[in-house]
């Protein structure tokens, strides 16, 4: 009798366990097949990057999303910001060109594999992932296997679930600017008793590892132009100085002769010409292999000249050379002014590089007025561009650290600085020692 009872009890337990397993599998299957909570579309056009080979971004990220996907080694990374932890439901809007493929999707240490076989675009649920931190979520896709040369074409990620209930942020439009990332600025406050500012002095140091291709660390900005250093490629870096024309246009060919920027003089190995697209005017640059971890000095002068014009002159001091060198001097027509609206900025000017973080420190700012008196600049306002202000990209920061200000952007870091915040750096009390009479 006891044996019979034991067999009955054992059979009951086994049946319950099998039923539970069957229920779990069924639930999982139903979860994966459901698309009801995939309510938010994230276009890959503005939010995905090729990580392993940035040169492929142009050919693989198109107006229609991810295309030309042939390599198993290609890692496609998409970023979405969430304001709440919890489960994140994820799907793909994708199609196969021919044949079928297996694609792996990963968030954190969780991965799912899905099959893509239909040749018309469909929503394919991937599964649910656990998001443990608010901020940017990194979503990776990688091809596993395929029967056709191409894995798939993917136009959107679709998301939903608890992690999205307090809002999400990603690039929804203006994809060119969204892919470049937010530009950040420091607007310096001119002391009330400074009078007319004849010279603007600044220093920049780019920490090692932050000299990312596509970066412009602009030191001395003013009402009519800007002056700083760039990383243009693996092999080229520049010192850049530009002055806008008083004639407002994005096409330099439209500028009347009487409003063209005039070159007065330039330094050795400096190239000059015109620029457009973001206003137009005169541009000068010197190819110079500046180094991360070294501090570079910038000196900008502005002075009214004859016939309602103003002359702007830029000097650059590299510690490797040890002396002030002329970049260029330009004359701007229909302008009578000294230095106004002094500022610095940090921007990325290459869309494929918007996935990488870069930072610069801006130190020891001083103004020198027309009477030769120096004024230290210890107050600055942190601002950002339209891409940041409309929450397309929230990977921006700035502030004060000791005797320096700093700017940081791109790369999808989650901590950000409130736009329009005022900062005060510590004073050095040591004005620059510059022999103005013997500047080149």
Protein backbone atom coordinates (compact mmCIF):
# COMPACT_ATOMS: atom_id res chain seq x y z
CA UNK A 1 0.00 0.00 0.00
CA UNK A 2 2.82 2.38 0.92
CA UNK A 3 4.56 1.53 -2.35
CA UNK A 4 1.40 2.37 -4.31
CA UNK A 5 1.06 5.68 -2.47
CA UNK A 6 4.71 6.45 -3.17
CA UNK A 7 4.29 5.73 -6.88
CA UNK A 8 1.17 7.89 -7.05
CA UNK A 9 2.92 10.77 -5.25
CA UNK A 10 6.02 10.47 -7.44
CA UNK A 11 3.92 10.42 -10.59
CA UNK A 12 2.05 13.51 -9.42
CA UNK A 13 5.28 15.42 -8.74
CA UNK A 14 6.73 14.48 -12.14
CA UNK A 15 3.54 15.55 -13.89
CA UNK A 16 3.57 18.89 -12.04
CA UNK A 17 7.22 19.53 -12.91
CA UNK A 18 6.66 18.69 -16.57
CA UNK A 19 3.56 20.87 -16.64
CA UNK A 20 5.49 23.75 -15.10
CA UNK A 21 8.31 23.36 -17.63
CA UNK A 22 5.76 23.22 -20.42
CA UNK A 23 4.12 26.36 -19.05
CA UNK A 24 7.47 28.17 -18.85
CA UNK A 25 8.34 27.25 -22.41
CA UNK A 26 4.91 28.29 -23.60
CA UNK A 27 5.12 31.60 -21.76
CA UNK A 28 8.57 32.27 -23.23
CA UNK A 29 7.34 31.41 -26.69
CA UNK A 30 4.30 33.62 -26.34
CA UNK A 31 6.51 36.45 -25.06
CA UNK A 32 8.80 36.20 -28.05
CA UNK A 33 5.91 36.05 -30.52
CA UNK A 34 4.07 39.07 -29.06
CA UNK A 35 4.52 42.51 -30.64
CA UNK A 36 1.91 44.35 -28.58
CA UNK A 37 4.38 46.12 -26.29
CA UNK A 38 6.80 47.08 -29.08
CA UNK A 39 5.33 50.56 -29.42
CA UNK A 40 8.37 52.83 -29.88
CA UNK A 41 10.26 52.88 -33.19
CA UNK A 42 13.97 53.77 -33.09
CA UNK A 43 15.34 54.48 -36.60
CA UNK A 44 18.77 52.98 -37.13
CA UNK A 45 19.45 55.80 -39.59
CA UNK A 46 20.10 58.17 -36.72
CA UNK A 47 20.95 55.89 -33.81
CA UNK A 48 23.18 53.02 -34.98
CA UNK A 49 26.92 52.86 -35.67
CA UNK A 50 29.44 50.36 -36.98
CA UNK A 51 31.87 49.89 -34.10
CA UNK A 52 34.58 47.60 -35.44
CA UNK A 53 35.23 49.57 -38.65
CA UNK A 54 33.98 53.18 -38.62
CA UNK A 55 34.70 53.53 -42.35
CA UNK A 56 31.71 51.22 -43.01
CA UNK A 57 29.20 53.63 -41.47
CA UNK A 58 28.72 55.52 -44.72
CA UNK A 59 28.03 52.39 -46.79
CA UNK A 60 26.03 50.44 -44.19
CA UNK A 61 23.93 53.07 -42.39
CA UNK A 62 21.60 54.63 -44.95
CA UNK A 63 18.32 56.53 -45.10
CA UNK A 64 16.62 53.14 -44.89
CA UNK A 65 18.65 51.94 -41.93
CA UNK A 66 21.16 49.08 -41.90
CA UNK A 67 22.09 47.75 -45.36
CA UNK A 68 24.98 45.93 -47.06
CA UNK A 69 25.45 43.72 -44.00
CA UNK A 70 27.75 40.90 -45.08
CA UNK A 71 30.40 40.35 -42.40
CA UNK A 72 29.99 38.31 -39.23
CA UNK A 73 32.61 40.56 -37.64
CA UNK A 74 30.49 43.70 -38.11
CA UNK A 75 29.19 44.94 -34.76
CA UNK A 76 26.21 47.28 -35.10
CA UNK A 77 25.57 49.31 -31.96
CA UNK A 78 22.41 51.30 -31.26
CA UNK A 79 21.88 53.66 -28.32
CA UNK A 80 18.60 54.54 -26.58
CA UNK A 81 18.28 56.45 -23.34
CA UNK A 82 15.76 55.29 -20.71
CA UNK A 83 14.69 57.04 -17.52
CA UNK A 84 13.54 53.96 -15.64
CA UNK A 85 14.89 50.51 -14.83
CA UNK A 86 13.01 47.27 -15.47
CA UNK A 87 12.23 45.03 -18.40
CA UNK A 88 12.89 46.34 -21.89
CA UNK A 89 11.00 44.61 -24.70
CA UNK A 90 12.91 44.61 -27.96
CA UNK A 91 12.17 43.81 -31.59
CA UNK A 92 13.54 44.48 -35.07
CA UNK A 93 11.82 45.76 -38.17
CA UNK A 94 13.78 43.76 -40.72
CA UNK A 95 13.71 41.73 -43.90
CA UNK A 96 15.87 39.20 -45.71
CA UNK A 97 17.03 39.96 -49.23
CA UNK A 98 17.22 36.27 -50.06
CA UNK A 99 17.51 33.13 -48.00
CA UNK A 100 17.62 33.30 -44.21
CA UNK A 101 19.95 34.37 -41.42
CA UNK A 102 20.52 34.12 -37.69
CA UNK A 103 21.24 37.37 -35.86
CA UNK A 104 22.38 37.81 -32.26
CA UNK A 105 21.12 40.77 -30.22
CA UNK A 106 22.84 41.67 -26.95
CA UNK A 107 22.14 44.06 -24.08
CA UNK A 108 24.64 43.85 -21.24
CA UNK A 109 25.30 40.18 -20.54
CA UNK A 110 22.01 38.99 -22.05
CA UNK A 111 21.83 37.77 -25.66
CA UNK A 112 19.03 36.46 -27.89
CA UNK A 113 19.23 34.94 -31.35
CA UNK A 114 16.50 35.38 -33.95
CA UNK A 115 15.88 34.09 -37.45
CA UNK A 116 15.18 36.46 -40.35
CA UNK A 117 13.77 34.86 -43.49
CA UNK A 118 10.89 36.91 -44.93
CA UNK A 119 11.70 39.12 -47.91
CA UNK A 120 9.19 41.76 -46.86
CA UNK A 121 9.72 43.98 -43.86
CA UNK A 122 8.20 42.59 -40.66
CA UNK A 123 8.40 43.15 -36.93
CA UNK A 124 10.42 40.36 -35.34
CA UNK A 125 10.26 40.20 -31.53
CA UNK A 126 13.65 39.55 -29.96
CA UNK A 127 12.67 39.20 -26.31
CA UNK A 128 12.79 40.98 -22.99
CA UNK A 129 15.96 42.27 -21.36
CA UNK A 130 16.57 43.48 -17.83
CA UNK A 131 17.76 47.10 -17.63
CA UNK A 132 19.37 47.78 -14.25
CA UNK A 133 20.51 51.39 -14.75
CA UNK A 134 18.87 54.49 -16.15
CA UNK A 135 20.65 56.36 -18.92
CA UNK A 136 21.87 55.13 -22.26
CA UNK A 137 21.28 51.47 -23.13
CA UNK A 138 23.71 49.91 -25.60
CA UNK A 139 22.05 47.44 -27.97
CA UNK A 140 24.42 45.33 -30.10
CA UNK A 141 23.63 43.29 -33.21
CA UNK A 142 25.94 40.78 -34.85
CA UNK A 143 25.42 38.26 -37.62
CA UNK A 144 25.75 34.58 -36.69
CA UNK A 145 25.00 32.68 -39.91
CA UNK A 146 23.33 33.21 -43.30
CA UNK A 147 22.41 31.40 -46.50
CA UNK A 148 22.72 34.55 -48.61
CA UNK A 149 25.61 37.04 -48.98
CA UNK A 150 23.61 39.50 -46.84
CA UNK A 151 22.36 38.96 -43.30
CA UNK A 152 19.36 41.30 -43.49
CA UNK A 153 18.22 44.87 -43.83
CA UNK A 154 17.05 46.45 -40.58
CA UNK A 155 15.26 49.80 -40.60
CA UNK A 156 14.24 50.16 -36.94
CA UNK A 157 14.55 48.78 -33.47
CA UNK A 158 11.24 48.58 -31.65
CA UNK A 159 11.10 48.91 -27.89
CA UNK A 160 8.58 48.94 -25.07
CA UNK A 161 8.03 47.61 -21.60
CA UNK A 162 8.55 48.89 -18.09
CA UNK A 163 11.92 50.56 -18.80
CA UNK A 164 10.28 52.91 -21.32
CA UNK A 165 7.39 54.11 -19.15
CA UNK A 166 9.15 57.26 -17.90
CA UNK A 167 10.20 58.30 -21.39
CA UNK A 168 12.95 57.52 -23.85
CA UNK A 169 15.41 59.69 -25.75
CA UNK A 170 17.05 59.05 -29.11
CA UNK A 171 17.57 60.80 -32.46
CA UNK A 172 14.16 61.16 -34.12
CA UNK A 173 14.99 63.63 -36.91
CA UNK A 174 17.78 65.89 -38.21
CA UNK A 175 19.86 62.73 -38.49
CA UNK A 176 23.01 64.42 -39.78
CA UNK A 177 23.26 66.60 -36.67
CA UNK A 178 22.10 63.77 -34.43
CA UNK A 179 24.87 61.52 -35.68
CA UNK A 180 27.47 64.25 -35.17
CA UNK A 181 26.32 64.63 -31.59
CA UNK A 182 25.85 67.66 -29.34
CA UNK A 183 28.19 70.64 -29.46
CA UNK A 184 28.99 72.24 -26.10
CA UNK A 185 30.23 75.73 -25.26
CA UNK A 186 31.66 77.95 -22.55
CA UNK A 187 30.62 81.61 -22.73
CA UNK A 188 33.10 83.74 -20.81
CA UNK A 189 31.94 86.71 -18.77
CA UNK A 190 33.77 89.99 -19.47
CA UNK A 191 34.33 91.98 -16.25
CA UNK A 192 32.24 95.14 -16.18
CA UNK A 193 35.25 97.40 -15.65
CA UNK A 194 37.38 95.82 -18.38
CA UNK A 195 36.55 98.31 -21.11
CA UNK A 196 37.43 97.43 -24.71
CA UNK A 197 39.07 93.99 -25.00
CA UNK A 198 42.04 94.08 -27.37
CA UNK A 199 43.40 90.56 -26.66
CA UNK A 200 41.91 87.21 -25.62
CA UNK A 201 44.23 84.54 -24.17
CA UNK A 202 43.37 80.87 -23.53
CA UNK A 203 45.02 77.47 -23.05
CA UNK A 204 43.83 74.00 -24.07
CA UNK A 205 44.96 70.56 -23.03
CA UNK A 206 43.34 67.46 -24.50
CA UNK A 207 43.72 64.53 -22.08
CA UNK A 208 45.38 61.44 -23.52
CA UNK A 209 42.86 59.18 -25.22
CA UNK A 210 40.47 62.07 -25.90
CA UNK A 211 42.01 63.23 -29.19
CA UNK A 212 39.27 61.57 -31.22
CA UNK A 213 39.19 62.01 -35.00
CA UNK A 214 36.58 64.60 -35.98
CA UNK A 215 37.07 66.76 -32.87
CA UNK A 216 37.38 70.54 -32.89
CA UNK A 217 38.65 71.99 -29.61
CA UNK A 218 37.90 75.66 -30.17
CA UNK A 219 39.80 77.89 -27.76
CA UNK A 220 39.19 81.52 -28.72
CA UNK A 221 35.78 82.20 -30.16
CA UNK A 222 34.52 85.75 -30.72
CA UNK A 223 31.59 87.50 -32.30
CA UNK A 224 32.97 87.15 -35.83
CA UNK A 225 34.94 83.88 -35.84
CA UNK A 226 36.90 81.21 -33.99
CA UNK A 227 40.37 79.78 -33.37
CA UNK A 228 41.42 76.32 -32.11
CA UNK A 229 42.79 72.86 -32.91
CA UNK A 230 41.33 69.88 -34.76
CA UNK A 231 41.88 66.16 -35.32
CA UNK A 232 41.23 65.71 -39.03
CA UNK A 233 42.40 62.13 -39.64
CA UNK A 234 44.76 59.43 -38.39
CA UNK A 235 47.62 61.36 -39.94
CA UNK A 236 46.59 65.03 -39.88
CA UNK A 237 45.87 67.62 -37.21
CA UNK A 238 45.33 71.34 -37.68
CA UNK A 239 45.45 74.72 -36.02
CA UNK A 240 42.43 76.54 -37.48
CA UNK A 241 41.52 80.24 -37.52
CA UNK A 242 38.42 81.57 -39.32
CA UNK A 243 36.64 84.91 -39.63
CA UNK A 244 33.11 85.22 -40.99
CA UNK A 245 32.21 87.78 -43.62
CA UNK A 246 29.78 90.55 -42.69
CA UNK A 247 27.69 89.34 -45.64
CA UNK A 248 25.47 86.52 -44.36
CA UNK A 249 25.51 83.49 -46.67
CA UNK A 250 26.55 79.84 -46.69
CA UNK A 251 28.07 80.23 -50.16
CA UNK A 252 31.36 82.19 -50.25
CA UNK A 253 30.86 82.86 -53.97
CA UNK A 254 27.88 85.06 -53.12
CA UNK A 255 29.92 87.50 -51.03
CA UNK A 256 30.32 90.92 -52.74
CA UNK A 257 33.92 92.02 -53.23
CA UNK A 258 33.50 94.89 -50.80
CA UNK A 259 32.54 92.45 -48.02
CA UNK A 260 35.06 89.69 -48.63
CA UNK A 261 37.52 88.88 -45.87
CA UNK A 262 40.99 90.23 -46.71
CA UNK A 263 44.16 88.38 -45.73
CA UNK A 264 46.69 90.82 -44.25
CA UNK A 265 49.45 88.34 -43.38
CA UNK A 266 49.96 84.69 -42.52
CA UNK A 267 52.53 82.48 -40.84
CA UNK A 268 54.88 79.93 -42.35
CA UNK A 269 53.19 76.79 -43.69
CA UNK A 270 49.75 78.32 -43.16
CA UNK A 271 47.17 77.74 -45.88
CA UNK A 272 44.39 80.26 -46.46
CA UNK A 273 41.17 80.35 -48.42
CA UNK A 274 37.40 80.66 -48.10
CA UNK A 275 34.88 78.52 -46.27
CA UNK A 276 31.11 78.02 -46.42
CA UNK A 277 28.17 75.93 -45.17
CA UNK A 278 28.14 77.42 -41.64
CA UNK A 279 28.38 81.05 -42.65
CA UNK A 280 31.13 82.11 -45.05
CA UNK A 281 34.37 83.99 -44.81
CA UNK A 282 38.14 83.66 -44.64
CA UNK A 283 39.84 80.59 -43.26
CA UNK A 284 43.41 79.73 -42.40
CA UNK A 285 44.96 76.56 -41.08
CA UNK A 286 48.32 75.09 -40.34
CA UNK A 287 48.88 71.34 -40.37
CA UNK A 288 50.55 70.67 -37.03
CA UNK A 289 50.85 67.40 -35.11
CA UNK A 290 49.82 68.66 -31.68
CA UNK A 291 49.91 66.10 -28.88
CA UNK A 292 47.30 64.95 -26.36
CA UNK A 293 48.55 65.61 -22.85
CA UNK A 294 50.40 68.81 -23.84
CA UNK A 295 49.09 72.31 -23.14
CA UNK A 296 48.76 74.75 -26.06
CA UNK A 297 48.34 78.52 -25.83
CA UNK A 298 46.16 80.74 -27.99
CA UNK A 299 46.22 84.51 -28.41
CA UNK A 300 43.62 86.41 -30.41
CA UNK A 301 43.68 90.13 -31.15
CA UNK A 302 40.94 92.39 -32.53
CA UNK A 303 41.29 96.08 -33.36
CA UNK A 304 39.25 98.55 -35.44
CA UNK A 305 40.98 99.60 -38.64
CA UNK A 306 40.36 102.08 -41.45
CA UNK A 307 37.10 102.58 -43.34
CA UNK A 308 34.74 100.77 -40.98
CA UNK A 309 36.76 97.55 -40.79
CA UNK A 310 38.34 95.42 -38.06
CA UNK A 311 41.57 93.41 -38.08
CA UNK A 312 41.73 90.01 -36.35
CA UNK A 313 45.06 88.28 -35.67
CA UNK A 314 45.72 84.81 -34.24
CA UNK A 315 48.92 83.50 -32.60
CA UNK A 316 49.67 79.93 -31.50
CA UNK A 317 52.21 78.76 -28.90
CA UNK A 318 53.24 75.09 -28.96
CA UNK A 319 55.43 73.87 -26.06
CA UNK A 320 57.38 71.72 -28.51
CA UNK A 321 58.48 74.89 -30.34
CA UNK A 322 58.61 77.29 -27.41
CA UNK A 323 57.59 80.57 -29.05
CA UNK A 324 54.58 82.45 -30.37
CA UNK A 325 53.89 81.85 -34.07
CA UNK A 326 51.55 83.73 -36.38
CA UNK A 327 48.65 81.82 -37.88
CA UNK A 328 47.03 84.66 -39.81
CA UNK A 329 45.64 88.19 -39.75
CA UNK A 330 42.34 89.01 -41.50
CA UNK A 331 40.43 92.24 -42.14
CA UNK A 332 36.63 92.21 -41.94
CA UNK A 333 34.67 94.99 -43.65
CA UNK A 334 31.62 96.82 -42.29
CA UNK A 335 32.74 96.09 -38.74
CA UNK A 336 34.17 98.32 -36.03
CA UNK A 337 34.75 96.40 -32.84
CA UNK A 338 37.12 94.93 -30.31
CA UNK A 339 36.64 91.41 -28.97
CA UNK A 340 33.02 90.60 -28.11
CA UNK A 341 31.16 87.44 -27.11
CA UNK A 342 34.27 85.44 -26.10
CA UNK A 343 33.64 81.70 -25.88
CA UNK A 344 35.07 78.22 -26.39
CA UNK A 345 33.44 75.09 -27.75
CA UNK A 346 33.93 71.38 -28.38
CA UNK A 347 32.33 69.70 -31.36
CA UNK A 348 32.50 66.56 -33.46
CA UNK A 349 32.36 67.28 -37.20
CA UNK A 350 32.28 63.68 -38.53
CA UNK A 351 29.02 61.72 -38.33
CA UNK A 352 30.75 58.35 -38.07
CA UNK A 353 32.65 59.52 -34.97
CA UNK A 354 29.64 60.60 -32.91
CA UNK A 355 29.78 57.30 -31.04
CA UNK A 356 33.06 58.19 -29.30
CA UNK A 357 33.57 60.42 -26.25
CA UNK A 358 36.05 63.28 -26.30
CA UNK A 359 36.98 65.94 -23.73
CA UNK A 360 39.11 69.06 -23.48
CA UNK A 361 40.27 71.27 -20.61
CA UNK A 362 40.25 75.05 -21.07
CA UNK A 363 42.56 76.87 -18.68
CA UNK A 364 43.86 80.27 -17.61
CA UNK A 365 41.63 82.58 -19.61
CA UNK A 366 42.60 86.27 -19.63
CA UNK A 367 41.48 89.45 -21.38
CA UNK A 368 43.79 92.41 -22.07
CA UNK A 369 42.16 95.76 -22.69
CA UNK A 370 43.22 98.65 -24.89
CA UNK A 371 45.14 100.20 -21.99
CA UNK A 372 47.30 97.10 -21.56
CA UNK A 373 45.64 95.89 -18.37
CA UNK A 374 45.01 92.16 -17.85
CA UNK A 375 41.73 90.76 -16.46
CA UNK A 376 41.47 87.14 -15.38
CA UNK A 377 38.37 85.23 -16.54
CA UNK A 378 37.05 82.85 -13.91
CA UNK A 379 33.32 82.79 -14.77
CA UNK A 380 31.73 80.90 -17.66
CA UNK A 381 28.27 79.76 -18.70
CA UNK A 382 27.86 76.21 -20.01
CA UNK A 383 25.60 75.96 -23.08
CA UNK A 384 24.83 73.45 -25.82
CA UNK A 385 23.36 73.38 -29.32
CA UNK A 386 19.91 72.49 -30.66
CA UNK A 387 20.76 68.78 -30.85
CA UNK A 388 21.21 68.78 -27.08
CA UNK A 389 18.38 71.17 -26.25
CA UNK A 390 15.74 69.08 -28.01
CA UNK A 391 16.99 65.88 -26.34
CA UNK A 392 18.16 64.23 -29.54
CA UNK A 393 21.48 63.62 -27.80
CA UNK A 394 22.04 63.88 -24.06
CA UNK A 395 25.71 62.90 -23.93
CA UNK A 396 27.16 66.27 -22.97
CA UNK A 397 28.89 67.77 -19.96
CA UNK A 398 30.93 70.75 -18.86
CA UNK A 399 31.99 72.64 -15.79
CA UNK A 400 34.91 73.75 -13.67
CA UNK A 401 37.68 71.65 -12.14
CA UNK A 402 40.27 73.53 -10.12
CA UNK A 403 41.80 76.28 -12.26
CA UNK A 404 40.29 74.85 -15.46
CA UNK A 405 36.99 74.60 -17.21
CA UNK A 406 36.21 71.45 -19.18
CA UNK A 407 33.92 70.33 -22.00
CA UNK A 408 32.91 66.77 -22.86
CA UNK A 409 30.57 65.33 -25.49
CA UNK A 410 29.49 62.33 -27.58
CA UNK A 411 29.99 58.63 -26.85
CA UNK A 412 26.62 58.17 -25.09
CA UNK A 413 27.75 58.61 -21.50
CA UNK A 414 24.76 58.98 -19.18
CA UNK A 415 25.73 61.74 -16.72
CA UNK A 416 25.06 65.19 -18.11
CA UNK A 417 25.36 68.82 -17.07
CA UNK A 418 22.34 71.10 -16.92
CA UNK A 419 22.43 73.49 -19.87
CA UNK A 420 22.78 77.22 -19.04
CA UNK A 421 24.58 76.54 -15.75
CA UNK A 422 27.18 79.07 -14.57
CA UNK A 423 30.57 77.86 -13.33
CA UNK A 424 33.50 79.52 -11.59
CA UNK A 425 37.04 78.16 -11.80
CA UNK A 426 39.79 78.82 -9.28
CA UNK A 427 41.98 81.85 -9.96
CA UNK A 428 45.66 81.49 -10.83
CA UNK A 429 46.39 85.19 -10.41
CA UNK A 430 49.21 84.94 -12.95
CA UNK A 431 48.69 86.93 -16.14
CA UNK A 432 50.45 85.68 -19.30
CA UNK A 433 53.93 87.05 -19.98
CA UNK A 434 53.82 88.11 -23.63
CA UNK A 435 56.13 90.49 -25.47
CA UNK A 436 53.49 92.12 -27.66
CA UNK A 437 56.00 94.43 -29.35
CA UNK A 438 57.88 91.48 -30.82
CA UNK A 439 55.03 89.22 -31.89
CA UNK A 440 55.53 88.11 -35.52
